[in-house]
Amino acid sequence: MTTEPGEAGPAGRIPEAIMNAALDLFYRQGIDGSSVRDIAGRADVSLSSVYAYFESKDALTRAVLIRSHELVNQHVAPMFDEPEKPAFGLLCQALRMHAVRHMLIGPAGIASWINSYSLPKPMRVELHGMQKRYESRFQDLAKQLADDGQIVSANLRLKIRMLLNAGIDTGRWYKPTGPSTVEAVADVYVDLCRSVLKG
């Protein structure tokens, strides 16, 4: 799993280690199935160390989910800022990067889309808002393309949502040690996206 670097120095590595341990457990066991004690053990730190950096499990969960979302978004969002590209190519490029990032960062990219219904309502609302803003960039561009007659407009919102979910699922099963490269899998994914949007 690839993660962003933490702060410099040993103290900066402790919260990073805690978040990585939480991420791993959330991915494997779910948020409810992962206790702070489990997270501390996985990070090889004391329970008090976890609480020194995160006042509660909710605070830690929020930090992990926001970081997970940002790890993908920071690579995908710039794809929409290339106005010289044809709009359909731009949408396919953004969808490709969506899948590529989920393959490259694995659980870190998937955690932000984790089933969040058990989270406290304010955190759930915040997370859903982030997901909605992320998805809306794809939806808005697809609508523009449909209005211009470049793609089929029937069930467009559902199609984009399903394609995004397919990109996330690609990250779930992709293994760097497997027979296919990231680029080869991304090519197949984009071919699927094109056929769904044009058909």
Protein backbone atom coordinates (compact mmCIF):
# COMPACT_ATOMS: atom_id res chain seq x y z
CA MET A 1 0.00 0.00 0.00
CA THR A 2 1.32 3.44 -0.87
CA THR A 3 0.61 6.31 1.47
CA GLU A 4 1.57 9.92 1.58
CA PRO A 5 4.56 10.75 3.75
CA GLY A 6 3.92 11.91 7.28
CA GLU A 7 5.60 14.70 9.17
CA ALA A 8 9.36 14.52 9.55
CA GLY A 9 10.87 12.97 12.66
CA PRO A 10 9.83 10.10 14.92
CA ALA A 11 6.89 11.99 16.44
CA GLY A 12 5.47 12.59 12.96
CA ARG A 13 5.70 8.89 12.15
CA ILE A 14 3.57 7.85 15.13
CA PRO A 15 0.26 9.38 13.94
CA GLU A 16 1.05 8.11 10.43
CA ALA A 17 1.61 4.60 11.80
CA ILE A 18 -1.63 4.82 13.78
CA MET A 19 -3.64 5.96 10.74
CA ASN A 20 -2.10 3.25 8.56
CA ALA A 21 -2.93 0.61 11.16
CA ALA A 22 -6.50 1.92 11.45
CA LEU A 23 -6.85 1.95 7.68
CA ASP A 24 -5.67 -1.63 7.41
CA LEU A 25 -8.07 -2.82 10.12
CA PHE A 26 -11.00 -0.79 8.78
CA TYR A 27 -10.42 -2.35 5.38
CA ARG A 28 -10.18 -5.90 6.75
CA GLN A 29 -12.62 -5.82 9.69
CA GLY A 30 -14.77 -2.74 9.16
CA ILE A 31 -14.87 0.33 11.37
CA ASP A 32 -17.15 -1.22 14.00
CA GLY A 33 -15.03 -4.37 14.16
CA SER A 34 -11.80 -2.46 14.88
CA SER A 35 -11.17 -1.25 18.43
CA VAL A 36 -8.67 1.42 19.44
CA ARG A 37 -6.79 -1.31 21.30
CA ASP A 38 -6.61 -3.35 18.07
CA ILE A 39 -5.34 -0.29 16.20
CA ALA A 40 -2.69 0.44 18.84
CA GLY A 41 -1.51 -3.18 18.67
CA ARG A 42 -1.32 -3.12 14.87
CA ALA A 43 0.62 0.17 14.99
CA ASP A 44 2.89 -1.18 17.73
CA VAL A 45 2.20 1.80 19.99
CA SER A 46 0.58 2.12 23.39
CA LEU A 47 -3.10 2.88 23.79
CA SER A 48 -2.18 6.19 25.41
CA SER A 49 -0.13 7.08 22.31
CA VAL A 50 -3.23 6.74 20.15
CA TYR A 51 -5.18 9.05 22.44
CA ALA A 52 -2.28 11.51 22.55
CA TYR A 53 -2.79 12.14 18.82
CA PHE A 54 -6.49 11.36 18.37
CA GLU A 55 -8.92 12.28 21.14
CA SER A 56 -11.32 9.46 20.25
CA LYS A 57 -11.90 6.63 17.81
CA ASP A 58 -14.26 8.95 15.93
CA ALA A 59 -11.49 11.54 15.53
CA LEU A 60 -9.12 8.86 14.25
CA THR A 61 -11.76 7.46 11.90
CA ARG A 62 -12.46 10.92 10.51
CA ALA A 63 -8.74 11.57 9.92
CA VAL A 64 -8.32 8.23 8.12
CA LEU A 65 -11.37 8.65 5.90
CA ILE A 66 -10.57 12.24 4.95
CA ARG A 67 -6.96 11.35 4.13
CA SER A 68 -8.16 8.38 2.07
CA HIS A 69 -10.50 10.56 0.06
CA GLU A 70 -7.81 13.19 -0.51
CA LEU A 71 -5.27 10.60 -1.71
CA VAL A 72 -7.50 9.82 -4.68
CA ASN A 73 -8.98 13.28 -5.24
CA GLN A 74 -5.62 15.05 -5.47
CA HIS A 75 -4.80 12.97 -8.55
CA VAL A 76 -8.23 12.90 -10.16
CA ALA A 77 -9.35 16.53 -9.75
CA PRO A 78 -6.61 17.98 -12.04
CA MET A 79 -7.89 15.76 -14.86
CA PHE A 80 -10.91 18.08 -15.15
CA ASP A 81 -8.76 21.18 -15.58
CA GLU A 82 -7.51 20.62 -19.11
CA PRO A 83 -9.97 22.64 -21.23
CA GLU A 84 -7.97 22.10 -24.45
CA LYS A 85 -8.90 18.39 -24.43
CA PRO A 86 -12.13 17.21 -26.06
CA ALA A 87 -14.74 16.74 -23.33
CA PHE A 88 -15.28 13.03 -23.95
CA GLY A 89 -11.54 12.37 -23.83
CA LEU A 90 -11.33 14.40 -20.63
CA LEU A 91 -14.09 12.33 -18.99
CA CYS A 92 -12.38 9.07 -20.04
CA GLN A 93 -9.04 10.39 -18.74
CA ALA A 94 -10.62 11.26 -15.37
CA LEU A 95 -12.30 7.84 -15.14
CA ARG A 96 -8.99 6.18 -15.99
CA MET A 97 -7.15 8.08 -13.26
CA HIS A 98 -9.95 7.18 -10.83
CA ALA A 99 -9.31 3.47 -11.46
CA VAL A 100 -5.52 3.81 -11.57
CA ARG A 101 -5.36 5.60 -8.22
CA HIS A 102 -7.55 2.94 -6.61
CA MET A 103 -5.27 0.23 -7.97
CA LEU A 104 -2.08 1.98 -6.88
CA ILE A 105 -3.09 2.91 -3.35
CA GLY A 106 -5.39 -0.03 -2.65
CA PRO A 107 -7.14 0.14 0.71
CA ALA A 108 -6.14 3.78 1.21
CA GLY A 109 -8.27 4.78 -1.77
CA ILE A 110 -11.13 2.47 -0.95
CA ALA A 111 -11.53 3.44 2.70
CA SER A 112 -13.12 6.77 1.85
CA TRP A 113 -15.96 4.85 0.13
CA ILE A 114 -16.36 2.44 3.01
CA ASN A 115 -19.88 1.70 4.25
CA SER A 116 -20.32 4.66 6.57
CA TYR A 117 -23.84 4.12 7.88
CA SER A 118 -22.56 3.20 11.34
CA LEU A 119 -20.59 6.45 11.66
CA PRO A 120 -21.92 9.30 13.81
CA LYS A 121 -24.25 11.47 11.76
CA PRO A 122 -21.99 14.57 11.48
CA MET A 123 -19.10 12.45 10.19
CA ARG A 124 -21.40 10.51 7.87
CA VAL A 125 -22.78 13.76 6.44
CA GLU A 126 -19.27 15.15 5.96
CA LEU A 127 -18.04 12.00 4.24
CA HIS A 128 -21.08 11.76 1.98
CA GLY A 129 -20.61 15.43 1.06
CA MET A 130 -17.02 14.75 0.02
CA GLN A 131 -18.09 11.72 -2.02
CA LYS A 132 -20.89 13.71 -3.66
CA ARG A 133 -18.57 16.57 -4.63
CA TYR A 134 -16.10 14.08 -6.08
CA GLU A 135 -18.78 12.30 -8.10
CA SER A 136 -20.40 15.55 -9.25
CA ARG A 137 -17.36 16.46 -11.38
CA PHE A 138 -17.93 13.28 -13.40
CA GLN A 139 -21.70 13.74 -13.46
CA ASP A 140 -21.52 17.38 -14.61
CA LEU A 141 -19.14 16.61 -17.47
CA ALA A 142 -21.22 13.60 -18.53
CA LYS A 143 -24.37 15.73 -18.55
CA GLN A 144 -22.65 18.32 -20.74
CA LEU A 145 -21.63 15.57 -23.15
CA ALA A 146 -25.16 14.16 -23.19
CA ASP A 147 -26.62 17.64 -23.84
CA ASP A 148 -24.22 17.95 -26.78
CA GLY A 149 -25.32 14.55 -28.10
CA GLN A 150 -21.88 13.01 -27.68
CA ILE A 151 -23.00 10.26 -25.28
CA VAL A 152 -26.29 8.50 -24.57
CA SER A 153 -28.31 10.34 -21.94
CA ALA A 154 -30.51 7.43 -20.77
CA ASN A 155 -29.77 6.50 -17.15
CA LEU A 156 -26.66 8.67 -17.25
CA ARG A 157 -26.46 9.38 -13.51
CA LEU A 158 -26.72 5.68 -12.75
CA LYS A 159 -24.14 4.82 -15.40
CA ILE A 160 -21.55 7.24 -13.96
CA ARG A 161 -22.14 5.97 -10.44
CA MET A 162 -21.76 2.36 -11.58
CA LEU A 163 -18.59 3.16 -13.54
CA LEU A 164 -17.07 4.89 -10.51
CA ASN A 165 -17.94 1.88 -8.36
CA ALA A 166 -16.37 -0.41 -10.98
CA GLY A 167 -13.17 1.66 -10.72
CA ILE A 168 -13.16 1.27 -6.94
CA ASP A 169 -13.80 -2.47 -7.24
CA THR A 170 -10.88 -2.71 -9.65
CA GLY A 171 -8.69 -1.38 -6.84
CA ARG A 172 -10.10 -4.02 -4.48
CA TRP A 173 -9.03 -7.02 -6.52
CA TYR A 174 -5.99 -5.70 -8.40
CA LYS A 175 -2.71 -7.18 -7.19
CA PRO A 176 0.63 -5.64 -8.23
CA THR A 177 2.09 -9.15 -8.32
CA GLY A 178 -0.64 -10.42 -10.65
CA PRO A 179 -0.37 -11.08 -14.39
CA SER A 180 -1.74 -7.68 -15.54
CA THR A 181 -0.16 -4.25 -15.25
CA VAL A 182 -2.01 -1.20 -13.95
CA GLU A 183 -1.96 0.23 -17.46
CA ALA A 184 -3.41 -2.92 -19.04
CA VAL A 185 -6.24 -3.06 -16.50
CA ALA A 186 -6.89 0.67 -16.90
CA ASP A 187 -7.14 0.21 -20.69
CA VAL A 188 -9.84 -2.44 -20.24
CA TYR A 189 -11.67 -0.27 -17.70
CA VAL A 190 -11.69 2.75 -20.04
CA ASP A 191 -12.91 0.58 -22.94
CA LEU A 192 -15.78 -0.49 -20.70
CA CYS A 193 -16.51 3.15 -19.78
CA ARG A 194 -16.55 4.19 -23.45
CA SER A 195 -18.93 1.40 -24.44
CA VAL A 196 -21.30 2.12 -21.55
CA LEU A 197 -21.37 5.87 -22.22
CA LYS A 198 -21.66 5.63 -26.01
CA GLY A 199 -24.03 2.63 -26.10
